[in-house]
Amino acid sequence: MAECECVAGCVFFNDKMANMPQLAESMKKKYCKGDNTQCARFVVFKKLGKPKVPADLFPNQMEKAKSIIVTG
C-alpha cells in the first residue's frame, strides 16, 4: 500500500509526536504506510476535509472519528 497522502502535513505526527519518535514511527508504519483506511484522522479527512480533523485526534480513535463525522 502506498504512503498516505496526508503524512507530510499531518500535524499529529509532525507536532504532537515530535518528542516520541519511536512511537510515532511505529504508528506511521501501521497507519500511514499500511492501511490508512484504519486511521481515524484519514477517515475524518476523507469525509469532512482537513479543517475538520482535530489536532488531538489519535489515529487509533476510530470511535471518536465516527462521532465527529456524524456531528459534521
C-alpha atoms as a PDB file:
ATOM      1  CA  MET A   1       0.000   0.000   0.000  1.00  0.00           C
ATOM      2  CA  ALA A   2       1.261   3.494  -0.816  1.00  0.00           C
ATOM      3  CA  GLU A   3       2.114   6.095   1.783  1.00  0.00           C
ATOM      4  CA  CYS A   4      -0.843   8.185   2.936  1.00  0.00           C
ATOM      5  CA  GLU A   5      -1.321  11.428   1.042  1.00  0.00           C
ATOM      6  CA  CYS A   6      -1.594  13.306   4.366  1.00  0.00           C
ATOM      7  CA  VAL A   7       1.576  12.130   6.119  1.00  0.00           C
ATOM      8  CA  ALA A   8       3.802  15.046   5.079  1.00  0.00           C
ATOM      9  CA  GLY A   9       1.418  17.636   6.515  1.00  0.00           C
ATOM     10  CA  CYS A  10      -0.084  15.623   9.370  1.00  0.00           C
ATOM     11  CA  VAL A  11       0.010  17.868  12.447  1.00  0.00           C
ATOM     12  CA  PHE A  12      -0.407  14.842  14.697  1.00  0.00           C
ATOM     13  CA  PHE A  13       2.892  13.288  13.670  1.00  0.00           C
ATOM     14  CA  ASN A  14       4.791  16.456  12.878  1.00  0.00           C
ATOM     15  CA  ASP A  15       3.819  18.329  16.057  1.00  0.00           C
ATOM     16  CA  LYS A  16       2.190  16.093  18.677  1.00  0.00           C
ATOM     17  CA  MET A  17       4.569  13.141  18.341  1.00  0.00           C
ATOM     18  CA  ALA A  18       7.831  15.071  17.883  1.00  0.00           C
ATOM     19  CA  ASN A  19       9.128  14.081  21.316  1.00  0.00           C
ATOM     20  CA  MET A  20       8.193  10.388  20.866  1.00  0.00           C
ATOM     21  CA  PRO A  21       9.993   9.338  17.678  1.00  0.00           C
ATOM     22  CA  GLN A  22       9.844   5.554  18.231  1.00  0.00           C
ATOM     23  CA  LEU A  23       6.124   5.512  18.964  1.00  0.00           C
ATOM     24  CA  ALA A  24       5.477   7.906  16.087  1.00  0.00           C
ATOM     25  CA  GLU A  25       7.399   5.683  13.670  1.00  0.00           C
ATOM     26  CA  SER A  26       5.503   2.610  14.840  1.00  0.00           C
ATOM     27  CA  MET A  27       2.161   4.360  14.325  1.00  0.00           C
ATOM     28  CA  LYS A  28       3.250   5.735  10.945  1.00  0.00           C
ATOM     29  CA  LYS A  29       4.162   2.230   9.840  1.00  0.00           C
ATOM     30  CA  LYS A  30       0.725   0.937  10.791  1.00  0.00           C
ATOM     31  CA  TYR A  31      -1.500   3.838   9.714  1.00  0.00           C
ATOM     32  CA  CYS A  32       0.439   5.923   7.179  1.00  0.00           C
ATOM     33  CA  LYS A  33       2.423   3.298   5.336  1.00  0.00           C
ATOM     34  CA  GLY A  34      -0.075   0.482   5.866  1.00  0.00           C
ATOM     35  CA  ASP A  35      -3.843   0.563   5.725  1.00  0.00           C
ATOM     36  CA  ASN A  36      -4.665   4.266   6.091  1.00  0.00           C
ATOM     37  CA  THR A  37      -8.381   3.482   5.947  1.00  0.00           C
ATOM     38  CA  GLN A  38      -7.937   2.339   9.569  1.00  0.00           C
ATOM     39  CA  CYS A  39      -6.590   5.773  10.576  1.00  0.00           C
ATOM     40  CA  ALA A  40      -9.187   7.887  12.357  1.00  0.00           C
ATOM     41  CA  ARG A  41      -7.528  11.079  11.114  1.00  0.00           C
ATOM     42  CA  PHE A  42      -7.616   9.892   7.494  1.00  0.00           C
ATOM     43  CA  VAL A  43     -11.260   8.824   7.753  1.00  0.00           C
ATOM     44  CA  VAL A  44     -12.341  12.266   9.028  1.00  0.00           C
ATOM     45  CA  PHE A  45     -10.165  13.945   6.379  1.00  0.00           C
ATOM     46  CA  LYS A  46     -11.795  11.944   3.578  1.00  0.00           C
ATOM     47  CA  LYS A  47     -15.362  12.502   4.803  1.00  0.00           C
ATOM     48  CA  LEU A  48     -15.241  16.106   6.023  1.00  0.00           C
ATOM     49  CA  GLY A  49     -11.995  17.664   4.816  1.00  0.00           C
ATOM     50  CA  LYS A  50      -8.769  18.690   6.520  1.00  0.00           C
ATOM     51  CA  PRO A  51     -10.209  21.593   8.574  1.00  0.00           C
ATOM     52  CA  LYS A  52     -12.497  19.164  10.444  1.00  0.00           C
ATOM     53  CA  VAL A  53      -9.643  16.895  11.645  1.00  0.00           C
ATOM     54  CA  PRO A  54      -8.932  17.765  15.297  1.00  0.00           C
ATOM     55  CA  ALA A  55      -5.222  18.211  16.030  1.00  0.00           C
ATOM     56  CA  ASP A  56      -5.543  15.946  19.070  1.00  0.00           C
ATOM     57  CA  LEU A  57      -7.288  13.054  17.279  1.00  0.00           C
ATOM     58  CA  PHE A  58      -5.131   9.926  17.526  1.00  0.00           C
ATOM     59  CA  PRO A  59      -5.008   7.574  14.535  1.00  0.00           C
ATOM     60  CA  ASN A  60      -6.447   4.751  16.641  1.00  0.00           C
ATOM     61  CA  GLN A  61      -9.508   6.729  17.840  1.00  0.00           C
ATOM     62  CA  MET A  62     -11.923   5.394  15.236  1.00  0.00           C
ATOM     63  CA  GLU A  63     -14.974   5.670  17.502  1.00  0.00           C
ATOM     64  CA  LYS A  64     -14.226   9.359  18.081  1.00  0.00           C
ATOM     65  CA  ALA A  65     -13.767   9.802  14.313  1.00  0.00           C
ATOM     66  CA  LYS A  66     -17.169   8.239  13.661  1.00  0.00           C
ATOM     67  CA  SER A  67     -18.702  10.615  16.186  1.00  0.00           C
ATOM     68  CA  ILE A  68     -17.056  13.613  14.520  1.00  0.00           C
ATOM     69  CA  ILE A  69     -18.391  12.507  11.129  1.00  0.00           C
ATOM     70  CA  VAL A  70     -21.930  12.055  12.443  1.00  0.00           C
ATOM     71  CA  THR A  71     -21.972  15.528  14.002  1.00  0.00           C
ATOM     72  CA  GLY A  72     -20.249  17.006  10.970  1.00  0.00           C
END
